[in-house]
Amino acid sequence: MKNTLKERWIGLIAGLICNAFGNALSIAGNMGSGVWSASAVNLHNWTGISLGMLLFCIGVINAITNQILIHHWDGKRFFGEVLFVMFFGTFVQYFVRWFNSIGVNTAPIIWRLILSCLGIALFCVGISLYQRANIVMHPNDDTTNILRFMYLKGNATASQLLDFLPPLIVSGIAYFPTGRIDSINLATLFSIICNGFIIAASDRYIWPHLKHNFRAKAKTN
């Protein structure tokens, strides 16, 4: 049984805010972030292109990849995901400024590690909510959703691990010209190991009435 449109919109909004809040907390904690964010940071160090532009471009590439994975053009899905990336970045910037203003970035290292891991757990909850609502989502999270249900028989952990490969490769490539890898730390390892498990657990325990309203194909007349 599918959810009502109102329930799905609540899931989308709650998931967007929770994801942005968690990402900002992990960034402010500065003990490692999600691997896609880390890849953008390392590309920025290599190319000098602004981080915001790189995050947007990565999102657009993800949105195009999704069109390939679902085997047809879905304009609503594509433009919705691009729009999501724009709003998501604004929320993250606001929350990062707020966290820095209350001293998260200058806290003792053990507290920054705990807060960074907490941020990762929170953005996993957010991902779970808006993936299940499935109105619009960050294109990278739609990629894992598509992989999970179209290619990996519903396995959230496997879809997350497969999705981690491209940004890890990008960060590795960026290391050779720069001699450094940034935004990858203990909390990143926590993210790689635990993202899929936390999302799957959130599906089960965080608002379980919100089901996976997944669609693989666009409606036809």
Protein backbone atom coordinates (compact mmCIF):
# COMPACT_ATOMS: atom_id res chain seq x y z
CA MET A 1 0.00 0.00 0.00
CA LYS A 2 1.42 3.36 -1.07
CA ASN A 3 1.44 6.47 1.09
CA THR A 4 -0.67 9.58 0.54
CA LEU A 5 0.89 12.53 -1.26
CA LYS A 6 0.79 14.55 1.99
CA GLU A 7 2.77 11.86 3.82
CA ARG A 8 5.30 11.70 1.01
CA TRP A 9 5.79 15.50 1.05
CA ILE A 10 6.36 15.40 4.81
CA GLY A 11 8.94 12.65 4.24
CA LEU A 12 10.64 14.71 1.54
CA ILE A 13 10.87 17.92 3.60
CA ALA A 14 11.92 16.14 6.79
CA GLY A 15 14.49 14.11 4.88
CA LEU A 16 15.94 17.14 3.10
CA ILE A 17 16.39 19.09 6.35
CA CYS A 18 17.77 16.09 8.23
CA ASN A 19 20.23 15.30 5.44
CA ALA A 20 21.46 18.89 5.17
CA PHE A 21 21.73 19.17 8.97
CA GLY A 22 23.72 15.94 9.21
CA ASN A 23 26.03 16.81 6.33
CA ALA A 24 26.71 20.23 7.84
CA LEU A 25 27.47 18.68 11.23
CA SER A 26 30.00 16.26 9.72
CA ILE A 27 31.61 19.09 7.72
CA ALA A 28 31.84 21.38 10.78
CA GLY A 29 33.25 18.53 12.88
CA ASN A 30 36.04 18.21 10.31
CA MET A 31 36.78 14.56 11.10
CA GLY A 32 35.65 13.20 7.74
CA SER A 33 32.51 13.53 5.66
CA GLY A 34 30.60 11.46 3.15
CA VAL A 35 32.70 10.18 0.27
CA TRP A 36 30.93 12.21 -2.42
CA SER A 37 31.52 15.44 -0.49
CA ALA A 38 35.13 14.38 0.02
CA SER A 39 35.60 13.83 -3.71
CA ALA A 40 34.37 17.38 -4.40
CA VAL A 41 36.80 18.79 -1.82
CA ASN A 42 39.73 16.93 -3.37
CA LEU A 43 38.74 18.00 -6.89
CA HIS A 44 38.61 21.57 -5.59
CA ASN A 45 42.15 21.27 -4.24
CA TRP A 46 43.32 19.92 -7.59
CA THR A 47 41.49 22.19 -10.03
CA GLY A 48 40.74 25.33 -8.02
CA ILE A 49 37.11 25.25 -9.15
CA SER A 50 34.74 26.40 -6.38
CA LEU A 51 33.40 23.68 -4.13
CA GLY A 52 29.81 24.79 -4.71
CA MET A 53 30.19 24.52 -8.48
CA LEU A 54 31.79 21.08 -8.19
CA LEU A 55 28.99 19.81 -5.94
CA PHE A 56 26.42 21.09 -8.40
CA CYS A 57 28.23 19.55 -11.38
CA ILE A 58 28.57 16.21 -9.58
CA GLY A 59 24.84 16.33 -8.86
CA VAL A 60 24.02 16.98 -12.53
CA ILE A 61 26.28 14.09 -13.58
CA ASN A 62 24.49 11.85 -11.08
CA ALA A 63 21.13 12.96 -12.47
CA ILE A 64 22.24 12.09 -16.01
CA THR A 65 23.53 8.72 -14.79
CA ASN A 66 20.13 7.98 -13.31
CA GLN A 67 18.46 8.51 -16.67
CA ILE A 68 20.81 5.90 -18.14
CA LEU A 69 20.16 3.44 -15.30
CA ILE A 70 16.36 3.60 -15.66
CA HIS A 71 16.65 3.12 -19.45
CA HIS A 72 14.41 6.02 -20.47
CA TRP A 73 14.11 9.80 -20.27
CA ASP A 74 12.20 11.06 -17.22
CA GLY A 75 12.29 14.86 -17.38
CA LYS A 76 10.41 15.36 -14.11
CA ARG A 77 12.91 13.18 -12.29
CA PHE A 78 15.92 14.88 -13.90
CA PHE A 79 14.93 18.51 -13.34
CA GLY A 80 13.59 17.74 -9.86
CA GLU A 81 16.93 16.28 -8.84
CA VAL A 82 18.85 19.26 -10.21
CA LEU A 83 16.53 21.57 -8.26
CA PHE A 84 17.04 19.48 -5.13
CA VAL A 85 20.82 19.94 -5.40
CA MET A 86 20.41 23.72 -5.50
CA PHE A 87 18.23 23.86 -2.38
CA PHE A 88 20.28 21.26 -0.54
CA GLY A 89 23.47 23.30 -0.89
CA THR A 90 21.78 26.39 0.56
CA PHE A 91 20.63 24.50 3.67
CA VAL A 92 24.07 22.93 4.17
CA GLN A 93 25.82 26.33 4.01
CA TYR A 94 23.40 27.81 6.54
CA PHE A 95 23.81 24.95 9.01
CA VAL A 96 27.63 24.91 8.66
CA ARG A 97 27.76 28.62 9.54
CA TRP A 98 25.54 28.00 12.56
CA PHE A 99 27.60 25.03 13.80
CA ASN A 100 30.82 27.03 13.42
CA SER A 101 29.27 29.95 15.31
CA ILE A 102 28.61 27.72 18.34
CA GLY A 103 32.12 26.27 18.26
CA VAL A 104 31.68 22.80 16.78
CA ASN A 105 34.73 23.31 14.54
CA THR A 106 36.95 24.17 17.53
CA ALA A 107 35.74 21.48 19.94
CA PRO A 108 38.19 18.83 21.25
CA ILE A 109 39.02 16.19 18.64
CA ILE A 110 37.09 13.38 20.34
CA TRP A 111 33.92 15.48 20.39
CA ARG A 112 34.41 16.48 16.75
CA LEU A 113 34.73 12.81 15.84
CA ILE A 114 31.56 11.94 17.75
CA LEU A 115 29.66 14.85 16.18
CA SER A 116 30.91 13.99 12.68
CA CYS A 117 29.73 10.39 13.08
CA LEU A 118 26.40 11.63 14.49
CA GLY A 119 26.06 13.90 11.46
CA ILE A 120 26.60 10.94 9.14
CA ALA A 121 23.95 8.93 11.01
CA LEU A 122 21.52 11.86 10.73
CA PHE A 123 22.00 12.31 7.00
CA CYS A 124 21.43 8.56 6.56
CA VAL A 125 18.07 8.96 8.32
CA GLY A 126 17.28 11.85 5.98
CA ILE A 127 18.20 9.78 2.94
CA SER A 128 15.92 6.99 4.14
CA LEU A 129 12.99 9.38 4.53
CA TYR A 130 13.10 11.05 1.14
CA GLN A 131 14.07 7.86 -0.69
CA ARG A 132 10.92 6.26 0.67
CA ALA A 133 8.82 9.35 -0.13
CA ASN A 134 10.29 9.30 -3.65
CA ILE A 135 8.96 12.64 -4.87
CA VAL A 136 12.36 14.12 -5.55
CA MET A 137 15.75 13.53 -3.92
CA HIS A 138 19.44 14.22 -4.23
CA PRO A 139 20.44 12.54 -7.52
CA ASN A 140 23.17 10.52 -5.82
CA ASP A 141 20.65 9.06 -3.40
CA ASP A 142 18.35 8.29 -6.31
CA THR A 143 21.27 6.39 -7.84
CA THR A 144 21.51 4.16 -4.79
CA ASN A 145 17.72 3.77 -4.80
CA ILE A 146 17.77 2.65 -8.44
CA LEU A 147 20.71 0.31 -7.87
CA ARG A 148 18.99 -1.13 -4.80
CA PHE A 149 15.64 -1.94 -6.40
CA MET A 150 16.46 -2.46 -10.08
CA TYR A 151 19.81 -4.20 -9.84
CA LEU A 152 20.52 -5.46 -6.29
CA LYS A 153 17.25 -7.06 -5.13
CA GLY A 154 16.55 -4.44 -2.43
CA ASN A 155 19.96 -4.65 -0.72
CA ALA A 156 20.61 -1.16 0.76
CA THR A 157 24.13 -2.01 1.96
CA ALA A 158 25.30 -3.32 -1.41
CA SER A 159 23.88 -0.30 -3.25
CA GLN A 160 25.69 2.10 -0.90
CA LEU A 161 29.02 0.28 -1.25
CA LEU A 162 28.74 0.23 -5.05
CA ASP A 163 27.88 3.92 -5.08
CA PHE A 164 31.02 4.70 -3.03
CA LEU A 165 33.41 3.45 -5.72
CA PRO A 166 33.35 6.47 -8.12
CA PRO A 167 34.07 9.18 -5.49
CA LEU A 168 36.80 7.08 -3.89
CA ILE A 169 38.42 6.66 -7.31
CA VAL A 170 38.15 10.40 -7.96
CA SER A 171 39.77 11.23 -4.61
CA GLY A 172 42.52 8.74 -5.36
CA ILE A 173 43.20 10.29 -8.77
CA ALA A 174 43.27 13.80 -7.24
CA TYR A 175 45.93 12.64 -4.79
CA PHE A 176 48.62 12.23 -7.48
CA PRO A 177 48.82 15.87 -8.63
CA THR A 178 48.22 17.35 -5.16
CA GLY A 179 49.94 14.86 -2.86
CA ARG A 180 47.08 15.11 -0.35
CA ILE A 181 43.64 13.74 0.39
CA ASP A 182 41.29 15.94 2.41
CA SER A 183 37.89 15.38 4.07
CA ILE A 184 38.58 11.67 4.45
CA ASN A 185 39.13 10.65 8.06
CA LEU A 186 37.76 8.29 10.70
CA ALA A 187 34.20 9.51 10.21
CA THR A 188 34.48 8.75 6.47
CA LEU A 189 35.37 5.16 7.33
CA PHE A 190 32.33 5.10 9.61
CA SER A 191 30.26 6.35 6.66
CA ILE A 192 31.59 3.70 4.27
CA ILE A 193 30.96 0.87 6.72
CA CYS A 194 27.67 2.01 8.24
CA ASN A 195 25.68 4.07 5.71
CA GLY A 196 23.83 1.14 4.23
CA PHE A 197 23.08 -0.41 7.62
CA ILE A 198 21.81 2.89 9.06
CA ILE A 199 19.58 3.56 6.04
CA ALA A 200 18.15 0.04 6.21
CA ALA A 201 17.54 0.39 9.96
CA SER A 202 15.90 3.79 9.41
CA ASP A 203 13.59 2.22 6.83
CA ARG A 204 12.49 -0.21 9.51
CA TYR A 205 12.38 1.92 12.66
CA ILE A 206 12.09 5.63 11.69
CA TRP A 207 8.48 6.26 10.66
CA PRO A 208 7.93 2.70 9.36
CA HIS A 209 4.51 3.71 8.01
CA LEU A 210 6.33 5.58 5.24
CA LYS A 211 6.84 2.84 2.66
CA HIS A 212 9.12 2.76 -0.37
CA ASN A 213 7.08 4.53 -3.04
CA PHE A 214 9.57 3.45 -5.70
CA ARG A 215 8.91 3.72 -9.40
CA ALA A 216 11.23 2.47 -12.09
CA LYS A 217 9.29 3.67 -15.13
CA ALA A 218 7.43 6.81 -16.00
CA LYS A 219 3.67 6.51 -16.35
CA THR A 220 2.33 6.02 -19.87
CA ASN A 221 -1.13 6.59 -21.29
